[in-house]
C-alpha atoms as a PDB file:
ATOM      1  CA  MET A   1      66.160 -99.154 -48.926  1.00  0.00           C
ATOM      2  CA  ILE A   2      66.148-100.958 -52.289  1.00  0.00           C
ATOM      3  CA  LEU A   3      69.426-101.294 -53.739  1.00  0.00           C
ATOM      4  CA  ALA A   4      69.915 -99.663 -57.199  1.00  0.00           C
ATOM      5  CA  ARG A   5      70.848-102.974 -59.892  1.00  0.00           C
ATOM      6  CA  ARG A   6      75.120-102.744 -60.889  1.00  0.00           C
ATOM      7  CA  GLN A   7      76.877-104.607 -62.962  1.00  0.00           C
ATOM      8  CA  LEU A   8      80.506-105.748 -62.454  1.00  0.00           C
ATOM      9  CA  LEU A   9      82.953-104.172 -64.781  1.00  0.00           C
ATOM     10  CA  ILE A  10      85.981-105.948 -65.433  1.00  0.00           C
ATOM     11  CA  GLY A  11      89.258-104.367 -66.731  1.00  0.00           C
ATOM     12  CA  GLY A  12      88.429-100.830 -65.567  1.00  0.00           C
ATOM     13  CA  ALA A  13      86.340 -97.971 -66.460  1.00  0.00           C
ATOM     14  CA  PHE A  14      85.525 -97.218 -70.397  1.00  0.00           C
ATOM     15  CA  ALA A  15      87.482-100.250 -71.296  1.00  0.00           C
ATOM     16  CA  GLY A  16      85.322-101.489 -73.808  1.00  0.00           C
ATOM     17  CA  LEU A  17      84.294-104.960 -72.423  1.00  0.00           C
ATOM     18  CA  ALA A  18      81.146-106.513 -71.798  1.00  0.00           C
ATOM     19  CA  PRO A  19      80.064-106.480 -68.080  1.00  0.00           C
ATOM     20  CA  GLN A  20      78.937-108.766 -66.068  1.00  0.00           C
ATOM     21  CA  THR A  21      76.302-109.117 -63.873  1.00  0.00           C
ATOM     22  CA  ALA A  22      75.483-108.197 -60.289  1.00  0.00           C
ATOM     23  CA  TRP A  23      76.500-110.686 -58.205  1.00  0.00           C
ATOM     24  CA  ALA A  24      74.282-111.660 -55.202  1.00  0.00           C
ATOM     25  CA  PRO A  25      74.568-114.677 -53.112  1.00  0.00           C
ATOM     26  CA  SER A  26      71.383-116.845 -52.136  1.00  0.00           C
ATOM     27  CA  SER A  27      71.301-116.529 -48.710  1.00  0.00           C
ATOM     28  CA  GLY A  28      70.328-112.866 -48.573  1.00  0.00           C
ATOM     29  CA  ASP A  29      72.834-112.074 -45.660  1.00  0.00           C
ATOM     30  CA  LEU A  30      74.772-110.307 -47.328  1.00  0.00           C
ATOM     31  CA  VAL A  31      73.964-109.093 -50.858  1.00  0.00           C
ATOM     32  CA  LEU A  32      77.243-107.294 -52.647  1.00  0.00           C
ATOM     33  CA  SER A  33      77.103-105.788 -56.109  1.00  0.00           C
ATOM     34  CA  GLY A  34      79.499-103.002 -57.691  1.00  0.00           C
ATOM     35  CA  ARG A  35      82.755-102.954 -59.375  1.00  0.00           C
ATOM     36  CA  LEU A  36      85.154-105.398 -58.618  1.00  0.00           C
ATOM     37  CA  VAL A  37      88.409-103.591 -60.118  1.00  0.00           C
ATOM     38  CA  GLN A  38      90.882-101.764 -58.440  1.00  0.00           C
ATOM     39  CA  GLY A  39      89.570 -98.338 -57.996  1.00  0.00           C
ATOM     40  CA  GLY A  40      86.205 -99.630 -57.806  1.00  0.00           C
ATOM     41  CA  HIS A  41      83.978-100.531 -54.806  1.00  0.00           C
ATOM     42  CA  ALA A  42      80.978-102.923 -53.632  1.00  0.00           C
ATOM     43  CA  ILE A  43      77.906-101.551 -52.390  1.00  0.00           C
ATOM     44  CA  GLY A  44      76.034-104.119 -49.946  1.00  0.00           C
ATOM     45  CA  ARG A  45      72.849-104.699 -48.070  1.00  0.00           C
ATOM     46  CA  THR A  46      73.022-106.933 -44.936  1.00  0.00           C
ATOM     47  CA  TRP A  47      71.533-106.617 -41.141  1.00  0.00           C
ATOM     48  CA  PRO A  48      70.685-103.012 -40.076  1.00  0.00           C
ATOM     49  CA  ARG A  49      73.571-101.870 -38.192  1.00  0.00           C
ATOM     50  CA  ALA A  50      75.765-104.890 -38.756  1.00  0.00           C
ATOM     51  CA  LEU A  51      79.649-104.177 -38.500  1.00  0.00           C
ATOM     52  CA  ILE A  52      81.449-104.483 -41.821  1.00  0.00           C
ATOM     53  CA  PHE A  53      84.979-105.813 -41.687  1.00  0.00           C
ATOM     54  CA  VAL A  54      86.874-105.993 -44.737  1.00  0.00           C
ATOM     55  CA  ASP A  55      89.930-108.565 -44.689  1.00  0.00           C
ATOM     56  CA  GLY A  56      89.255-108.571 -41.216  1.00  0.00           C
ATOM     57  CA  GLU A  57      89.548-104.828 -40.211  1.00  0.00           C
ATOM     58  CA  SER A  58      86.056-103.685 -39.044  1.00  0.00           C
ATOM     59  CA  LEU A  59      85.834-100.301 -41.471  1.00  0.00           C
ATOM     60  CA  THR A  60      82.438 -99.326 -41.232  1.00  0.00           C
ATOM     61  CA  THR A  61      78.462-100.039 -40.003  1.00  0.00           C
ATOM     62  CA  ALA A  62      75.719-101.039 -42.535  1.00  0.00           C
ATOM     63  CA  SER A  63      72.595 -97.795 -42.180  1.00  0.00           C
ATOM     64  CA  ALA A  64      69.429 -98.504 -40.576  1.00  0.00           C
ATOM     65  CA  ASP A  65      68.546-100.146 -43.705  1.00  0.00           C
ATOM     66  CA  GLY A  66      71.236-102.237 -43.975  1.00  0.00           C
ATOM     67  CA  GLY A  67      72.870-100.963 -46.408  1.00  0.00           C
ATOM     68  CA  PHE A  68      77.136-100.147 -47.188  1.00  0.00           C
ATOM     69  CA  ILE A  69      80.069 -99.286 -49.182  1.00  0.00           C
ATOM     70  CA  VAL A  70      83.417-100.411 -49.201  1.00  0.00           C
ATOM     71  CA  GLY A  71      86.058 -98.867 -51.615  1.00  0.00           C
ATOM     72  CA  PHE A  72      89.144-101.003 -53.367  1.00  0.00           C
ATOM     73  CA  ASP A  73      91.892 -98.543 -54.322  1.00  0.00           C
ATOM     74  CA  ARG A  74      94.550 -98.553 -56.598  1.00  0.00           C
ATOM     75  CA  ASP A  75      96.615-100.725 -55.018  1.00  0.00           C
ATOM     76  CA  ALA A  76      93.808-103.177 -53.931  1.00  0.00           C
ATOM     77  CA  PRO A  77      95.159-107.113 -53.438  1.00  0.00           C
ATOM     78  CA  ALA A  78      93.407-109.881 -55.818  1.00  0.00           C
ATOM     79  CA  SER A  79      91.088-110.949 -53.335  1.00  0.00           C
ATOM     80  CA  VAL A  80      89.061-109.168 -50.898  1.00  0.00           C
ATOM     81  CA  GLN A  81      86.957-110.635 -47.963  1.00  0.00           C
ATOM     82  CA  ILE A  82      84.452-108.431 -46.718  1.00  0.00           C
ATOM     83  CA  GLU A  83      82.303-110.018 -43.737  1.00  0.00           C
ATOM     84  CA  ALA A  84      79.326-108.554 -41.908  1.00  0.00           C
ATOM     85  CA  ARG A  85      78.312-109.473 -38.102  1.00  0.00           C
ATOM     86  CA  LEU A  86      75.583-108.792 -36.274  1.00  0.00           C
ATOM     87  CA  ASP A  87      74.692-110.119 -32.548  1.00  0.00           C
ATOM     88  CA  GLY A  88      76.729-113.297 -33.011  1.00  0.00           C
ATOM     89  CA  ARG A  89      75.975-113.667 -36.556  1.00  0.00           C
ATOM     90  CA  SER A  90      77.756-113.253 -39.284  1.00  0.00           C
ATOM     91  CA  ALA A  91      77.958-113.596 -43.270  1.00  0.00           C
ATOM     92  CA  MET A  92      80.998-113.463 -45.374  1.00  0.00           C
ATOM     93  CA  ARG A  93      82.040-113.143 -48.886  1.00  0.00           C
ATOM     94  CA  THR A  94      85.648-113.273 -50.737  1.00  0.00           C
ATOM     95  CA  LEU A  95      85.660-110.926 -54.115  1.00  0.00           C
ATOM     96  CA  ALA A  96      88.078-111.508 -56.797  1.00  0.00           C
ATOM     97  CA  ILE A  97      89.389-107.935 -57.781  1.00  0.00           C
ATOM     98  CA  THR A  98      90.631-107.421 -61.487  1.00  0.00           C
ATOM     99  CA  PRO A  99      93.313-105.137 -61.700  1.00  0.00           C
ATOM    100  CA  GLY A 100      93.253-102.191 -63.309  1.00  0.00           C
ATOM    101  CA  ARG A 101      94.886-100.317 -66.312  1.00  0.00           C
ATOM    102  CA  PHE A 102      96.852 -97.114 -65.670  1.00  0.00           C
ATOM    103  CA  SER A 103      98.363 -94.744 -68.105  1.00  0.00           C
ATOM    104  CA  GLU A 104     101.435 -92.590 -67.977  1.00  0.00           C
ATOM    105  CA  THR A 105     100.952 -88.827 -68.230  1.00  0.00           C
ATOM    106  CA  ARG A 106     104.089 -86.842 -69.030  1.00  0.00           C
ATOM    107  CA  ILE A 107     104.100 -82.758 -67.895  1.00  0.00           C
ATOM    108  CA  ASP A 108     107.468 -81.283 -68.729  1.00  0.00           C
ATOM    109  CA  GLY A 109     108.577 -77.835 -68.604  1.00  0.00           C
ATOM    110  CA  LEU A 110     106.683 -77.066 -65.448  1.00  0.00           C
ATOM    111  CA  PRO A 111     108.824 -74.317 -63.080  1.00  0.00           C
ATOM    112  CA  PRO A 112     110.460 -76.315 -59.955  1.00  0.00           C
ATOM    113  CA  ALA A 113     108.236 -74.464 -57.926  1.00  0.00           C
ATOM    114  CA  THR A 114     105.237 -75.664 -59.169  1.00  0.00           C
ATOM    115  CA  VAL A 115     106.093 -79.518 -58.846  1.00  0.00           C
ATOM    116  CA  GLU A 116     108.043 -79.067 -55.046  1.00  0.00           C
ATOM    117  CA  PRO A 117     106.886 -75.466 -53.592  1.00  0.00           C
ATOM    118  CA  SER A 118     109.940 -74.123 -51.455  1.00  0.00           C
ATOM    119  CA  ASP A 119     109.045 -70.543 -50.290  1.00  0.00           C
ATOM    120  CA  PRO A 120     108.394 -71.148 -46.350  1.00  0.00           C
ATOM    121  CA  ALA A 121     105.167 -68.749 -46.682  1.00  0.00           C
ATOM    122  CA  LEU A 122     103.905 -71.256 -48.987  1.00  0.00           C
ATOM    123  CA  LEU A 123     104.582 -74.309 -47.447  1.00  0.00           C
ATOM    124  CA  ALA A 124     103.052 -72.934 -44.132  1.00  0.00           C
ATOM    125  CA  ARG A 125      99.821 -72.138 -46.083  1.00  0.00           C
ATOM    126  CA  ILE A 126      99.451 -75.716 -47.884  1.00  0.00           C
ATOM    127  CA  GLN A 127      99.921 -77.354 -44.372  1.00  0.00           C
ATOM    128  CA  ARG A 128      97.028 -75.017 -43.592  1.00  0.00           C
ATOM    129  CA  GLU A 129      94.939 -76.329 -46.067  1.00  0.00           C
ATOM    130  CA  VAL A 130      95.811 -79.788 -46.254  1.00  0.00           C
ATOM    131  CA  ALA A 131      94.351 -79.862 -42.483  1.00  0.00           C
ATOM    132  CA  LEU A 132      91.148 -77.950 -43.578  1.00  0.00           C
ATOM    133  CA  LYS A 133      91.100 -80.899 -45.927  1.00  0.00           C
ATOM    134  CA  THR A 134      91.753 -83.218 -43.731  1.00  0.00           C
ATOM    135  CA  GLU A 135      88.736 -82.580 -41.622  1.00  0.00           C
ATOM    136  CA  GLY A 136      86.236 -82.431 -44.529  1.00  0.00           C
ATOM    137  CA  PHE A 137      87.488 -85.680 -45.493  1.00  0.00           C
ATOM    138  CA  ALA A 138      86.842 -87.231 -42.497  1.00  0.00           C
ATOM    139  CA  SER A 139      83.277 -86.403 -42.111  1.00  0.00           C
ATOM    140  CA  ARG A 140      81.364 -89.798 -41.395  1.00  0.00           C
ATOM    141  CA  ILE A 141      77.623 -88.963 -41.857  1.00  0.00           C
ATOM    142  CA  ASP A 142      74.898 -91.854 -40.960  1.00  0.00           C
ATOM    143  CA  ALA A 143      73.382 -91.949 -44.133  1.00  0.00           C
ATOM    144  CA  ASP A 144      73.820 -94.072 -47.256  1.00  0.00           C
ATOM    145  CA  HIS A 145      72.833 -91.634 -50.619  1.00  0.00           C
ATOM    146  CA  PHE A 146      75.090 -93.639 -52.457  1.00  0.00           C
ATOM    147  CA  SER A 147      72.525 -96.320 -53.147  1.00  0.00           C
ATOM    148  CA  ASP A 148      70.763 -94.401 -55.383  1.00  0.00           C
ATOM    149  CA  GLY A 149      73.091 -94.236 -57.966  1.00  0.00           C
ATOM    150  CA  PHE A 150      75.727 -91.557 -58.939  1.00  0.00           C
ATOM    151  CA  ILE A 151      75.141 -89.005 -62.190  1.00  0.00           C
ATOM    152  CA  TRP A 152      78.016 -87.048 -64.133  1.00  0.00           C
ATOM    153  CA  PRO A 153      78.598 -83.669 -62.412  1.00  0.00           C
ATOM    154  CA  LEU A 154      78.563 -81.467 -65.230  1.00  0.00           C
ATOM    155  CA  GLU A 155      76.133 -82.492 -68.839  1.00  0.00           C
ATOM    156  CA  SER A 156      78.757 -81.931 -71.461  1.00  0.00           C
ATOM    157  CA  PHE A 157      82.291 -82.713 -71.270  1.00  0.00           C
ATOM    158  CA  ARG A 158      85.278 -84.463 -72.533  1.00  0.00           C
ATOM    159  CA  VAL A 159      87.527 -87.079 -70.538  1.00  0.00           C
ATOM    160  CA  THR A 160      91.009 -85.177 -70.734  1.00  0.00           C
ATOM    161  CA  SER A 161      92.865 -87.259 -67.825  1.00  0.00           C
ATOM    162  CA  ARG A 162      91.311 -90.893 -66.431  1.00  0.00           C
ATOM    163  CA  TRP A 163      91.807 -91.866 -62.687  1.00  0.00           C
ATOM    164  CA  GLY A 164      94.895 -93.467 -61.640  1.00  0.00           C
ATOM    165  CA  SER A 165      97.379 -92.694 -64.328  1.00  0.00           C
ATOM    166  CA  GLN A 166     101.101 -92.008 -63.094  1.00  0.00           C
ATOM    167  CA  ARG A 167     102.122 -88.461 -63.590  1.00  0.00           C
ATOM    168  CA  ILE A 168     105.801 -88.108 -64.633  1.00  0.00           C
ATOM    169  CA  LEU A 169     106.704 -84.409 -63.931  1.00  0.00           C
ATOM    170  CA  ASN A 170     109.463 -82.697 -65.795  1.00  0.00           C
ATOM    171  CA  GLY A 171     111.166 -86.323 -65.641  1.00  0.00           C
ATOM    172  CA  THR A 172     110.459 -87.443 -61.871  1.00  0.00           C
ATOM    173  CA  PRO A 173     106.912 -89.545 -61.021  1.00  0.00           C
ATOM    174  CA  ALA A 174     104.531 -88.350 -59.104  1.00  0.00           C
ATOM    175  CA  ARG A 175     101.891 -89.980 -57.016  1.00  0.00           C
ATOM    176  CA  PRO A 176      98.877 -91.375 -59.561  1.00  0.00           C
ATOM    177  CA  HIS A 177      96.328 -88.986 -60.406  1.00  0.00           C
ATOM    178  CA  TYR A 178      93.533 -89.766 -58.372  1.00  0.00           C
ATOM    179  CA  GLY A 179      91.159 -87.780 -59.712  1.00  0.00           C
ATOM    180  CA  ILE A 180      89.280 -87.712 -63.397  1.00  0.00           C
ATOM    181  CA  ASP A 181      89.551 -84.310 -65.550  1.00  0.00           C
ATOM    182  CA  LEU A 182      86.459 -83.422 -67.142  1.00  0.00           C
ATOM    183  CA  ALA A 183      87.273 -80.564 -69.692  1.00  0.00           C
ATOM    184  CA  ALA A 184      83.971 -77.694 -70.393  1.00  0.00           C
ATOM    185  CA  PRO A 185      83.394 -74.140 -70.720  1.00  0.00           C
ATOM    186  CA  GLN A 186      84.548 -71.866 -67.914  1.00  0.00           C
ATOM    187  CA  GLY A 187      81.648 -71.660 -65.630  1.00  0.00           C
ATOM    188  CA  ALA A 188      79.617 -74.246 -66.630  1.00  0.00           C
ATOM    189  CA  PRO A 189      77.819 -75.410 -63.929  1.00  0.00           C
ATOM    190  CA  ILE A 190      78.517 -78.261 -61.609  1.00  0.00           C
ATOM    191  CA  ARG A 191      76.087 -80.488 -60.209  1.00  0.00           C
ATOM    192  CA  ALA A 192      75.881 -82.858 -57.337  1.00  0.00           C
ATOM    193  CA  PRO A 193      75.884 -86.488 -58.972  1.00  0.00           C
ATOM    194  CA  ALA A 194      74.353 -87.877 -55.312  1.00  0.00           C
ATOM    195  CA  GLY A 195      72.806 -86.316 -52.182  1.00  0.00           C
ATOM    196  CA  GLY A 196      74.462 -85.784 -49.003  1.00  0.00           C
ATOM    197  CA  ARG A 197      76.070 -82.981 -46.912  1.00  0.00           C
ATOM    198  CA  VAL A 198      78.763 -80.213 -47.863  1.00  0.00           C
ATOM    199  CA  THR A 199      82.093 -80.918 -45.624  1.00  0.00           C
ATOM    200  CA  LEU A 200      84.426 -78.455 -47.364  1.00  0.00           C
ATOM    201  CA  ALA A 201      83.572 -75.272 -49.183  1.00  0.00           C
ATOM    202  CA  ARG A 202      86.930 -73.120 -50.066  1.00  0.00           C
ATOM    203  CA  PRO A 203      86.975 -70.825 -52.683  1.00  0.00           C
ATOM    204  CA  ALA A 204      90.830 -70.452 -53.663  1.00  0.00           C
ATOM    205  CA  LEU A 205      93.304 -73.401 -52.088  1.00  0.00           C
ATOM    206  CA  HIS A 206      96.952 -73.195 -53.266  1.00  0.00           C
ATOM    207  CA  PHE A 207      96.942 -76.543 -55.049  1.00  0.00           C
ATOM    208  CA  GLU A 208      92.375 -77.049 -55.337  1.00  0.00           C
ATOM    209  CA  GLY A 209      91.766 -73.637 -56.063  1.00  0.00           C
ATOM    210  CA  GLY A 210      87.720 -73.595 -55.209  1.00  0.00           C
ATOM    211  CA  LEU A 211      87.307 -77.020 -53.672  1.00  0.00           C
ATOM    212  CA  VAL A 212      83.777 -78.744 -52.333  1.00  0.00           C
ATOM    213  CA  LEU A 213      84.042 -81.877 -50.293  1.00  0.00           C
ATOM    214  CA  ILE A 214      80.466 -83.924 -50.480  1.00  0.00           C
ATOM    215  CA  ASP A 215      79.949 -86.805 -47.747  1.00  0.00           C
ATOM    216  CA  HIS A 216      77.854 -88.949 -49.299  1.00  0.00           C
ATOM    217  CA  GLY A 217      77.921 -91.320 -46.217  1.00  0.00           C
ATOM    218  CA  GLN A 218      79.752 -93.599 -43.957  1.00  0.00           C
ATOM    219  CA  GLY A 219      82.655 -91.755 -45.494  1.00  0.00           C
ATOM    220  CA  LEU A 220      82.167 -92.090 -49.088  1.00  0.00           C
ATOM    221  CA  ILE A 221      83.347 -88.396 -49.760  1.00  0.00           C
ATOM    222  CA  THR A 222      83.587 -86.940 -53.266  1.00  0.00           C
ATOM    223  CA  ALA A 223      85.900 -83.775 -54.177  1.00  0.00           C
ATOM    224  CA  TYR A 224      85.406 -81.352 -57.206  1.00  0.00           C
ATOM    225  CA  LEU A 225      88.471 -78.720 -57.663  1.00  0.00           C
ATOM    226  CA  HIS A 226      89.056 -75.864 -59.722  1.00  0.00           C
ATOM    227  CA  GLN A 227      85.783 -74.222 -59.298  1.00  0.00           C
ATOM    228  CA  SER A 228      85.634 -70.619 -60.295  1.00  0.00           C
ATOM    229  CA  ARG A 229      82.368 -69.982 -57.982  1.00  0.00           C
ATOM    230  CA  LEU A 230      81.034 -72.079 -54.964  1.00  0.00           C
ATOM    231  CA  ASP A 231      76.885 -72.366 -54.673  1.00  0.00           C
ATOM    232  CA  VAL A 232      77.088 -74.530 -51.796  1.00  0.00           C
ATOM    233  CA  ARG A 233      78.272 -73.871 -47.965  1.00  0.00           C
ATOM    234  CA  GLU A 234      79.821 -76.004 -45.268  1.00  0.00           C
ATOM    235  CA  GLY A 235      77.366 -77.980 -43.359  1.00  0.00           C
ATOM    236  CA  GLN A 236      74.806 -77.713 -46.502  1.00  0.00           C
ATOM    237  CA  ASP A 237      72.485 -80.636 -47.290  1.00  0.00           C
ATOM    238  CA  ILE A 238      72.234 -81.382 -50.849  1.00  0.00           C
ATOM    239  CA  LEU A 239      70.465 -83.553 -53.152  1.00  0.00           C
ATOM    240  CA  ARG A 240      71.444 -85.117 -56.568  1.00  0.00           C
ATOM    241  CA  GLY A 241      71.218 -82.527 -59.270  1.00  0.00           C
ATOM    242  CA  ASP A 242      71.786 -79.453 -57.150  1.00  0.00           C
ATOM    243  CA  SER A 243      74.202 -76.871 -58.193  1.00  0.00           C
ATOM    244  CA  ILE A 244      77.377 -77.119 -56.225  1.00  0.00           C
ATOM    245  CA  GLY A 245      79.468 -74.654 -58.324  1.00  0.00           C
ATOM    246  CA  ARG A 246      80.633 -73.700 -61.699  1.00  0.00           C
ATOM    247  CA  VAL A 247      83.757 -75.054 -63.905  1.00  0.00           C
ATOM    248  CA  GLY A 248      87.232 -73.035 -63.580  1.00  0.00           C
ATOM    249  CA  MET A 249      90.669 -72.806 -63.838  1.00  0.00           C
ATOM    250  CA  THR A 250      91.815 -71.739 -60.336  1.00  0.00           C
ATOM    251  CA  GLY A 251      94.509 -73.466 -58.252  1.00  0.00           C
ATOM    252  CA  ARG A 252      97.516 -75.501 -60.493  1.00  0.00           C
ATOM    253  CA  ALA A 253      95.025 -76.062 -63.404  1.00  0.00           C
ATOM    254  CA  THR A 254      96.459 -74.914 -67.064  1.00  0.00           C
ATOM    255  CA  GLY A 255      92.641 -74.909 -69.000  1.00  0.00           C
ATOM    256  CA  PRO A 256      89.242 -74.727 -67.474  1.00  0.00           C
ATOM    257  CA  HIS A 257      87.925 -78.136 -66.316  1.00  0.00           C
ATOM    258  CA  LEU A 258      86.596 -80.282 -63.606  1.00  0.00           C
ATOM    259  CA  CYS A 259      88.388 -82.555 -61.809  1.00  0.00           C
ATOM    260  CA  TRP A 260      86.610 -85.218 -59.911  1.00  0.00           C
ATOM    261  CA  ARG A 261      88.114 -87.062 -57.002  1.00  0.00           C
ATOM    262  CA  MET A 262      86.599 -90.293 -54.400  1.00  0.00           C
ATOM    263  CA  LYS A 263      87.481 -91.443 -51.150  1.00  0.00           C
ATOM    264  CA  TRP A 264      86.051 -94.195 -49.572  1.00  0.00           C
ATOM    265  CA  ARG A 265      87.843 -93.755 -45.749  1.00  0.00           C
ATOM    266  CA  ASP A 266      91.502 -93.296 -46.455  1.00  0.00           C
ATOM    267  CA  ARG A 267      91.080 -95.236 -49.932  1.00  0.00           C
ATOM    268  CA  ASN A 268      91.327 -93.553 -52.997  1.00  0.00           C
ATOM    269  CA  LEU A 269      87.965 -94.484 -55.809  1.00  0.00           C
ATOM    270  CA  ASP A 270      87.609 -93.635 -59.295  1.00  0.00           C
ATOM    271  CA  PRO A 271      84.459 -92.041 -59.025  1.00  0.00           C
ATOM    272  CA  SER A 272      83.513 -92.498 -62.880  1.00  0.00           C
ATOM    273  CA  LEU A 273      83.016 -96.010 -61.653  1.00  0.00           C
ATOM    274  CA  MET A 274      80.028 -95.142 -59.684  1.00  0.00           C
ATOM    275  CA  VAL A 275      78.221 -93.387 -63.112  1.00  0.00           C
ATOM    276  CA  GLU A 276      76.074 -96.501 -65.021  1.00  0.00           C
ATOM    277  CA  THR A 277      76.412 -95.106 -67.750  1.00  0.00           C
ATOM    278  CA  ALA A 278      80.241 -94.187 -70.089  1.00  0.00           C
ATOM    279  CA  PRO A 279      80.453 -90.592 -71.170  1.00  0.00           C
ATOM    280  CA  SER A 280      79.212 -90.393 -74.866  1.00  0.00           C
END
């Protein structure tokens, strides 16, 4: 496996700042590159099947080719220590994580039941759907499709909401928006940004509407919300560029768009930082 050359973007996605060149130690035992910012990631290469520790906690295992990924969530600390261990050998690097810049979004006039559902039947449905999503996000396929790079899931779109923005719903702070919203015409094709396996494909969830989850390896999972049509099934292996569905406004959405999300294990990441080029 040859890791794609990447850059370290300082200041967050589309910040307009000059990126630094990819960083790698001269020893070659632990090579890292990526976007070292809150919501970003590091893609690494080390000894095949080495255990990867993040701040002293064993979180993943390198692939048969030595590839691995580590994610930095919205609240990542100013520095993160990454260590590879195998057969008594170890290699460690400490990375400086740049703070992200997150906007604030206010949405007023929402029906109270939309902000905090209270109907018992609806709450039971939501809990069942939470269990389905939890199972989908728990997937851990033995692959490293992320090492081949990502493309945008839509060919033409307009970014209407950045990742990590704080939402104020009817004057009450809600959890940050862990997706990037891409406005596009109803029915526009959605393509897989990278290869992987579909771990969830459901057409009509309460919040997400048509939802697809794709495991790209080692717990890196992307989500595609509000789809009007699904073109994949659970358990299906797909390649980068394959059609996975169509843009819609199903679930809790006010207009046709794709909400694109990404998680690495229990950490929410900015999927736009996996793409080499900013949207035009």
